[in-house]
Amino acid sequence: MTESLKIVIPMAGWGTRMRPHTWSKPKPLVSVAGKTSLEHLMDMFKTLPDPANTEYVFILGPYLGEMQIPAFIAEHYPQLKVHFVVQHEMKGQSHALALARKHLRRGPLIICFSDTLMETDFSFLSKEEADGVAWVMPVADPRRFGVAEEGVDGWVKRFIEKPQSMDNNLVVVGCYYLKSSERLLAAIDDQMQRGVMLKDEYFLTDSISIMIEGGAKVRTKVISTWLDTGTIEATLDTNKHLLEKIGSNDSTASPERVEGFKRSNVEIIDPVSIHESAEISNSTIGPYASIGADCRIENSQIAESILEAGCEIKDAALSRSLIGRQAKVHARGDGRVLGLNIGDNSSVML
């Protein structure tokens, strides 16, 4: 690739399905399996064919996104070349990309939505000859998603949002490669002139369909693992999958990872992720528990849950819970298992 590859990550949505956590932080900064979901997303791009010739374009929402994401990227990824664009009106994916026009003047790009985590290897892009690639995964019921309709020649004919039929189950997972950003921007201009919208939003799949109408050759790339962090339940499921994949940071289960947290009478049921600054006593942690930095846990059982940084949990049995930063949960210690969804800086006494 002679032109730099642009990685475009739209993340301007309000994150309403992740309330109350997204009242205080943008959705990509919610934790899962020991990291923010944004860090897991960035890990996906470690297989890029030419990382040094890559630029990142983050399309942010107003207020929380524009305040917190640039600072997070500067702290955790200071080596990257990055651009930030703010989408003040939620007019859809194509509208978001149109706002980033000055950073997408020419050359190839990958568009990946911030709540899409998948297992793939991007190294093949160095030899990719198609005009576009859409990552897809077969699912049992595709009607909640968008699907790629392929022709007899194997090329994508069009994309269909929320199909009524279940005949085609190749669901697009939210990641696309396009060889020409100029061609995409021209299709977006055409889309907006035609007024091709769904529920008052311009969808990216419609702009790519317009490219196909103009002769672009787009193929699919089938994957087997697609993780979602768009809802509370999906985030907890993703936490389980990632913990199974990376193993535990308890030294008895995973010697290559250093055990550093302070413990007293603690039982660990793998897999778990426990930050080294956590303090835990008289408790059982796991399976599938992620414990963030500076958490304090006493006389509790934590399973299938995410505790973000600074939580204080006492006398509680938690399962399928997502507890925000600096939140406090004090229970009765009666063994009753609780499933809680508590935002940052909250206090719950039960």
Protein backbone atom coordinates (compact mmCIF):
# COMPACT_ATOMS: atom_id res chain seq x y z
CA MET A 1 0.00 0.00 0.00
CA THR A 2 1.64 3.25 -1.12
CA GLU A 3 -1.04 5.48 0.41
CA SER A 4 -1.49 5.22 4.17
CA LEU A 5 -4.25 2.90 5.32
CA LYS A 6 -6.94 4.73 7.28
CA ILE A 7 -8.66 2.92 10.13
CA VAL A 8 -11.99 4.66 10.68
CA ILE A 9 -13.74 3.91 13.97
CA PRO A 10 -17.19 5.49 14.29
CA MET A 11 -18.24 5.77 17.93
CA ALA A 12 -20.61 8.72 18.06
CA GLY A 13 -23.73 6.91 19.24
CA TRP A 14 -25.31 7.72 22.59
CA GLY A 15 -24.85 4.18 23.96
CA THR A 16 -28.40 4.06 25.31
CA ARG A 17 -28.39 0.26 25.56
CA MET A 18 -25.42 0.49 27.94
CA ARG A 19 -27.07 2.78 30.47
CA PRO A 20 -26.31 3.75 33.21
CA HIS A 21 -22.60 3.32 32.40
CA THR A 22 -22.72 5.62 29.39
CA TRP A 23 -24.08 8.53 31.41
CA SER A 24 -20.51 9.11 32.61
CA LYS A 25 -18.29 7.66 29.87
CA PRO A 26 -18.55 6.73 26.19
CA LYS A 27 -19.42 3.12 25.47
CA PRO A 28 -15.92 2.14 24.19
CA LEU A 29 -14.46 2.93 27.62
CA VAL A 30 -16.62 0.39 29.45
CA SER A 31 -14.45 -2.45 30.74
CA VAL A 32 -14.56 -6.08 29.65
CA ALA A 33 -12.08 -8.83 30.55
CA GLY A 34 -9.56 -6.52 32.17
CA LYS A 35 -9.45 -3.82 29.48
CA THR A 36 -11.74 -1.26 27.94
CA SER A 37 -13.61 -2.52 24.89
CA LEU A 38 -11.68 0.10 22.89
CA GLU A 39 -8.38 -1.54 23.85
CA HIS A 40 -9.68 -4.92 22.74
CA LEU A 41 -10.72 -3.31 19.45
CA MET A 42 -7.29 -1.78 18.96
CA ASP A 43 -5.69 -5.17 19.62
CA MET A 44 -7.49 -6.48 16.52
CA PHE A 45 -5.31 -4.28 14.32
CA LYS A 46 -1.99 -5.77 15.44
CA THR A 47 -2.03 -7.96 12.30
CA LEU A 48 -2.17 -5.04 9.85
CA PRO A 49 0.30 -5.54 6.98
CA ASP A 50 2.01 -2.14 7.40
CA PRO A 51 1.29 -0.66 10.85
CA ALA A 52 3.79 2.17 10.37
CA ASN A 53 1.83 3.39 7.35
CA THR A 54 -1.51 3.54 9.12
CA GLU A 55 -3.62 6.43 10.42
CA TYR A 56 -6.61 6.24 12.75
CA VAL A 57 -9.73 8.37 12.42
CA PHE A 58 -12.05 8.34 15.43
CA ILE A 59 -15.54 9.73 14.87
CA LEU A 60 -16.74 10.84 18.27
CA GLY A 61 -19.98 11.87 19.88
CA PRO A 62 -20.29 15.29 21.47
CA TYR A 63 -19.47 15.92 25.13
CA LEU A 64 -18.36 12.58 26.63
CA GLY A 65 -16.74 11.26 23.47
CA GLU A 66 -14.90 14.41 22.50
CA MET A 67 -13.75 14.96 26.10
CA GLN A 68 -12.59 11.48 27.05
CA ILE A 69 -11.52 9.55 23.93
CA PRO A 70 -8.68 11.88 22.75
CA ALA A 71 -7.17 11.88 26.24
CA PHE A 72 -7.44 8.08 26.46
CA ILE A 73 -5.78 7.58 23.06
CA ALA A 74 -3.00 10.05 23.93
CA GLU A 75 -2.28 8.16 27.15
CA HIS A 76 -2.47 4.60 25.83
CA TYR A 77 -1.44 4.96 22.16
CA PRO A 78 0.90 7.97 21.95
CA GLN A 79 2.78 6.43 19.01
CA LEU A 80 -0.20 6.39 16.64
CA LYS A 81 -1.08 9.01 14.06
CA VAL A 82 -4.67 9.91 14.90
CA HIS A 83 -7.43 12.28 13.85
CA PHE A 84 -10.66 13.10 15.68
CA VAL A 85 -13.98 14.16 14.19
CA VAL A 86 -17.11 15.03 16.19
CA GLN A 87 -20.54 14.05 14.88
CA HIS A 88 -23.01 16.44 16.52
CA GLU A 89 -26.08 15.16 14.66
CA MET A 90 -26.84 11.44 14.68
CA LYS A 91 -27.65 11.07 10.98
CA GLY A 92 -26.06 7.68 10.51
CA GLN A 93 -22.86 5.96 9.51
CA SER A 94 -22.40 7.46 6.06
CA HIS A 95 -22.99 10.93 7.47
CA ALA A 96 -20.26 10.28 10.02
CA LEU A 97 -17.81 9.28 7.28
CA ALA A 98 -18.71 12.33 5.23
CA LEU A 99 -17.70 14.50 8.19
CA ALA A 100 -14.25 12.84 8.13
CA ARG A 101 -13.76 13.67 4.44
CA LYS A 102 -10.61 15.76 4.90
CA HIS A 103 -8.84 12.81 6.54
CA LEU A 104 -9.97 10.34 3.85
CA ARG A 105 -8.77 12.13 0.74
CA ARG A 106 -7.40 9.06 -1.01
CA GLY A 107 -6.19 5.52 -0.52
CA PRO A 108 -7.54 2.42 1.25
CA LEU A 109 -9.49 2.34 4.49
CA ILE A 110 -10.96 -0.02 7.04
CA ILE A 111 -14.20 0.98 8.72
CA CYS A 112 -14.87 -0.84 11.98
CA PHE A 113 -17.61 0.07 14.42
CA SER A 114 -16.55 0.46 18.02
CA ASP A 115 -18.76 -2.27 19.50
CA THR A 116 -17.58 -4.91 17.03
CA LEU A 117 -14.93 -7.34 18.26
CA MET A 118 -13.98 -10.25 16.04
CA GLU A 119 -11.18 -12.72 15.49
CA THR A 120 -9.50 -12.11 12.14
CA ASP A 121 -6.09 -11.58 10.55
CA PHE A 122 -5.72 -8.41 8.50
CA SER A 123 -2.37 -9.36 6.94
CA PHE A 124 -4.08 -10.61 3.75
CA LEU A 125 -4.91 -7.00 2.83
CA SER A 126 -1.38 -6.47 1.46
CA LYS A 127 -2.38 -8.67 -1.51
CA GLU A 128 -6.11 -7.96 -1.68
CA GLU A 129 -7.33 -7.34 -5.23
CA ALA A 130 -11.05 -6.77 -4.61
CA ASP A 131 -12.43 -3.26 -4.37
CA GLY A 132 -13.93 -4.12 -1.02
CA VAL A 133 -14.23 -6.77 1.66
CA ALA A 134 -17.10 -7.15 4.13
CA TRP A 135 -16.57 -9.35 7.18
CA VAL A 136 -19.57 -11.64 7.72
CA MET A 137 -20.64 -14.47 9.99
CA PRO A 138 -23.48 -16.96 9.50
CA VAL A 139 -26.11 -16.68 12.25
CA ALA A 140 -29.28 -18.62 12.97
CA ASP A 141 -31.62 -15.62 12.72
CA PRO A 142 -30.33 -12.72 10.57
CA ARG A 143 -33.46 -10.56 10.78
CA ARG A 144 -32.07 -8.17 13.43
CA PHE A 145 -28.97 -7.43 11.36
CA GLY A 146 -27.80 -6.50 7.89
CA VAL A 147 -26.84 -9.23 5.44
CA ALA A 148 -24.66 -9.50 2.34
CA GLU A 149 -26.41 -10.95 -0.71
CA GLU A 150 -23.96 -12.74 -3.00
CA GLY A 151 -24.43 -13.47 -6.69
CA VAL A 152 -23.69 -16.73 -8.45
CA ASP A 153 -20.24 -15.34 -9.27
CA GLY A 154 -19.41 -15.00 -5.56
CA TRP A 155 -19.36 -11.18 -5.52
CA VAL A 156 -21.67 -9.21 -3.26
CA LYS A 157 -24.74 -7.98 -5.17
CA ARG A 158 -26.07 -5.74 -2.43
CA PHE A 159 -26.52 -5.36 1.32
CA ILE A 160 -29.92 -5.61 2.98
CA GLU A 161 -30.65 -4.05 6.37
CA LYS A 162 -32.89 -6.11 8.67
CA PRO A 163 -34.13 -8.62 6.06
CA GLN A 164 -37.57 -10.16 6.47
CA SER A 165 -36.43 -13.52 5.12
CA MET A 166 -34.12 -15.99 6.86
CA ASP A 167 -32.88 -17.49 3.58
CA ASN A 168 -29.64 -15.49 3.68
CA ASN A 169 -27.80 -15.70 7.01
CA LEU A 170 -24.50 -13.98 6.09
CA VAL A 171 -24.70 -11.16 8.63
CA VAL A 172 -22.31 -8.22 8.22
CA VAL A 173 -20.53 -7.76 11.53
CA GLY A 174 -19.55 -4.10 11.20
CA CYS A 175 -16.10 -4.18 9.60
CA TYR A 176 -15.31 -3.29 5.96
CA TYR A 177 -12.21 -2.78 3.82
CA LEU A 178 -12.42 -0.51 0.78
CA LYS A 179 -9.57 0.02 -1.64
CA SER A 180 -10.60 3.58 -2.58
CA SER A 181 -11.82 6.13 -0.07
CA GLU A 182 -12.50 8.51 -2.97
CA ARG A 183 -14.93 6.02 -4.46
CA LEU A 184 -16.70 5.59 -1.12
CA LEU A 185 -17.05 9.33 -0.57
CA ALA A 186 -18.52 9.73 -4.07
CA ALA A 187 -21.05 6.97 -3.29
CA ILE A 188 -21.95 8.68 0.00
CA ASP A 189 -22.56 11.95 -1.87
CA ASP A 190 -24.80 10.03 -4.28
CA GLN A 191 -26.59 8.34 -1.38
CA MET A 192 -27.36 11.65 0.28
CA GLN A 193 -28.51 13.25 -2.96
CA ARG A 194 -30.88 10.33 -3.54
CA GLY A 195 -32.03 10.43 0.09
CA VAL A 196 -31.33 6.73 0.62
CA MET A 197 -32.06 6.41 4.35
CA LEU A 198 -33.56 4.03 6.90
CA LYS A 199 -35.26 5.51 9.97
CA ASP A 200 -33.75 8.92 9.18
CA GLU A 201 -30.19 7.59 9.06
CA TYR A 202 -27.72 7.06 6.21
CA PHE A 203 -26.38 3.51 6.44
CA LEU A 204 -22.91 2.59 5.22
CA THR A 205 -24.18 -0.61 3.57
CA ASP A 206 -26.34 1.52 1.26
CA SER A 207 -23.35 3.58 0.14
CA ILE A 208 -21.34 0.40 -0.55
CA SER A 209 -24.32 -0.97 -2.50
CA ILE A 210 -24.16 2.18 -4.62
CA MET A 211 -20.46 1.48 -5.24
CA ILE A 212 -21.42 -2.02 -6.38
CA GLU A 213 -24.02 -0.53 -8.73
CA GLY A 214 -21.17 1.46 -10.24
CA GLY A 215 -19.06 -1.62 -10.88
CA ALA A 216 -17.11 -2.12 -7.63
CA LYS A 217 -16.20 -5.72 -6.83
CA VAL A 218 -16.86 -6.50 -3.18
CA ARG A 219 -16.42 -9.90 -1.55
CA THR A 220 -17.11 -11.36 1.87
CA LYS A 221 -14.68 -12.61 4.50
CA VAL A 222 -16.30 -15.24 6.72
CA ILE A 223 -15.36 -15.34 10.41
CA SER A 224 -16.38 -17.71 13.18
CA THR A 225 -16.11 -15.44 16.22
CA TRP A 226 -17.97 -12.15 16.53
CA LEU A 227 -18.30 -10.50 19.92
CA ASP A 228 -20.58 -7.63 20.83
CA THR A 229 -20.27 -4.96 23.52
CA GLY A 230 -23.40 -3.04 22.58
CA THR A 231 -25.63 -4.17 25.47
CA ILE A 232 -25.13 -5.18 29.10
CA GLU A 233 -25.94 -8.85 28.45
CA ALA A 234 -23.75 -8.97 25.34
CA THR A 235 -20.86 -7.35 27.22
CA LEU A 236 -21.09 -9.94 29.99
CA ASP A 237 -21.13 -12.73 27.38
CA THR A 238 -18.10 -11.18 25.67
CA ASN A 239 -16.35 -11.00 29.05
CA LYS A 240 -16.83 -14.77 29.43
CA HIS A 241 -15.49 -15.50 25.95
CA LEU A 242 -12.43 -13.29 26.32
CA LEU A 243 -11.56 -14.67 29.73
CA GLU A 244 -11.74 -18.19 28.35
CA LYS A 245 -9.42 -17.14 25.55
CA ILE A 246 -6.79 -15.26 27.57
CA GLY A 247 -6.92 -17.45 30.67
CA SER A 248 -6.58 -16.30 34.25
CA ASN A 249 -4.01 -13.94 35.72
CA ASP A 250 -3.86 -16.07 38.82
CA SER A 251 -0.31 -17.46 38.92
CA THR A 252 -1.41 -21.04 39.62
CA ALA A 253 -3.38 -21.13 36.38
CA SER A 254 -1.28 -18.89 34.18
CA PRO A 255 2.35 -18.67 35.31
CA GLU A 256 3.32 -16.22 32.56
CA ARG A 257 1.05 -13.57 34.12
CA VAL A 258 2.17 -12.04 37.40
CA GLU A 259 -0.12 -12.35 40.41
CA GLY A 260 0.08 -9.10 42.36
CA PHE A 261 -3.20 -8.37 44.10
CA LYS A 262 -3.44 -8.41 47.90
CA ARG A 263 -5.43 -11.37 49.17
CA SER A 264 -6.48 -13.01 52.40
CA ASN A 265 -8.50 -16.24 52.37
CA VAL A 266 -9.50 -15.95 48.72
CA GLU A 267 -10.65 -18.79 46.47
CA ILE A 268 -10.11 -18.29 42.73
CA ILE A 269 -12.24 -20.21 40.22
CA ASP A 270 -10.71 -19.75 36.78
CA PRO A 271 -10.87 -18.00 34.43
CA VAL A 272 -10.66 -14.57 36.03
CA SER A 273 -8.91 -11.24 35.49
CA ILE A 274 -7.82 -9.43 38.66
CA HIS A 275 -5.88 -6.18 38.60
CA GLU A 276 -2.71 -6.25 40.68
CA SER A 277 -3.88 -3.28 42.79
CA ALA A 278 -7.07 -5.01 43.97
CA GLU A 279 -7.50 -6.04 47.62
CA ILE A 280 -9.68 -9.09 48.31
CA SER A 281 -10.42 -10.92 51.54
CA ASN A 282 -12.67 -13.81 52.63
CA SER A 283 -14.16 -14.11 49.16
CA THR A 284 -14.62 -16.35 46.15
CA ILE A 285 -13.79 -14.86 42.76
CA GLY A 286 -14.90 -16.54 39.55
CA PRO A 287 -15.55 -18.09 37.28
CA TYR A 288 -15.65 -15.38 34.61
CA ALA A 289 -15.03 -12.44 36.92
CA SER A 290 -13.12 -9.30 35.90
CA ILE A 291 -11.90 -7.19 38.81
CA GLY A 292 -10.57 -3.72 38.00
CA ALA A 293 -7.84 -1.57 39.52
CA ASP A 294 -8.12 -0.55 43.18
CA CYS A 295 -11.20 -2.67 43.85
CA ARG A 296 -11.88 -3.64 47.47
CA ILE A 297 -13.84 -6.86 48.03
CA GLU A 298 -14.74 -8.35 51.41
CA ASN A 299 -16.82 -11.40 52.36
CA SER A 300 -18.24 -11.73 48.86
CA GLN A 301 -18.71 -14.07 45.91
CA ILE A 302 -18.22 -12.62 42.42
CA ALA A 303 -19.02 -14.71 39.32
CA GLU A 304 -19.73 -13.90 35.66
CA SER A 305 -19.39 -10.21 36.45
CA ILE A 306 -17.38 -7.10 35.65
CA LEU A 307 -16.22 -4.78 38.42
CA GLU A 308 -14.69 -1.60 37.06
CA ALA A 309 -11.93 0.37 38.77
CA GLY A 310 -12.36 1.48 42.37
CA CYS A 311 -15.38 -0.66 43.30
CA GLU A 312 -16.09 -1.51 46.92
CA ILE A 313 -18.04 -4.74 47.44
CA LYS A 314 -18.94 -6.04 50.91
CA ASP A 315 -20.99 -9.06 52.00
CA ALA A 316 -22.44 -9.54 48.50
CA ALA A 317 -22.94 -12.47 46.16
CA LEU A 318 -22.92 -11.12 42.60
CA SER A 319 -23.58 -12.93 39.33
CA ARG A 320 -24.16 -11.49 35.85
CA SER A 321 -23.46 -8.01 37.22
CA LEU A 322 -21.76 -4.94 35.75
CA ILE A 323 -20.59 -2.52 38.43
CA GLY A 324 -19.24 0.89 37.37
CA ARG A 325 -16.19 2.79 38.54
CA GLN A 326 -16.00 3.79 42.22
CA ALA A 327 -19.38 2.18 42.89
CA LYS A 328 -20.19 0.67 46.29
CA VAL A 329 -22.32 -2.39 46.94
CA HIS A 330 -22.94 -3.38 50.56
CA ALA A 331 -25.30 -6.33 51.02
CA ARG A 332 -26.68 -8.28 53.96
CA GLY A 333 -24.37 -11.24 53.59
CA ASP A 334 -27.32 -13.65 53.51
CA GLY A 335 -26.03 -15.50 50.44
CA ARG A 336 -28.76 -14.19 48.16
CA VAL A 337 -27.29 -14.00 44.62
CA LEU A 338 -27.77 -10.58 43.02
CA GLY A 339 -27.62 -9.51 39.39
CA LEU A 340 -26.91 -5.77 39.39
CA ASN A 341 -26.31 -3.12 36.76
CA ILE A 342 -24.87 -0.10 38.58
CA GLY A 343 -23.27 2.99 37.06
CA ASP A 344 -20.16 4.91 38.11
CA ASN A 345 -20.00 6.53 41.56
CA SER A 346 -23.19 4.86 42.76
CA SER A 347 -23.90 3.44 46.21
CA VAL A 348 -26.26 0.52 46.81
CA MET A 349 -27.01 -0.75 50.31
CA LEU A 350 -29.10 -3.93 50.39
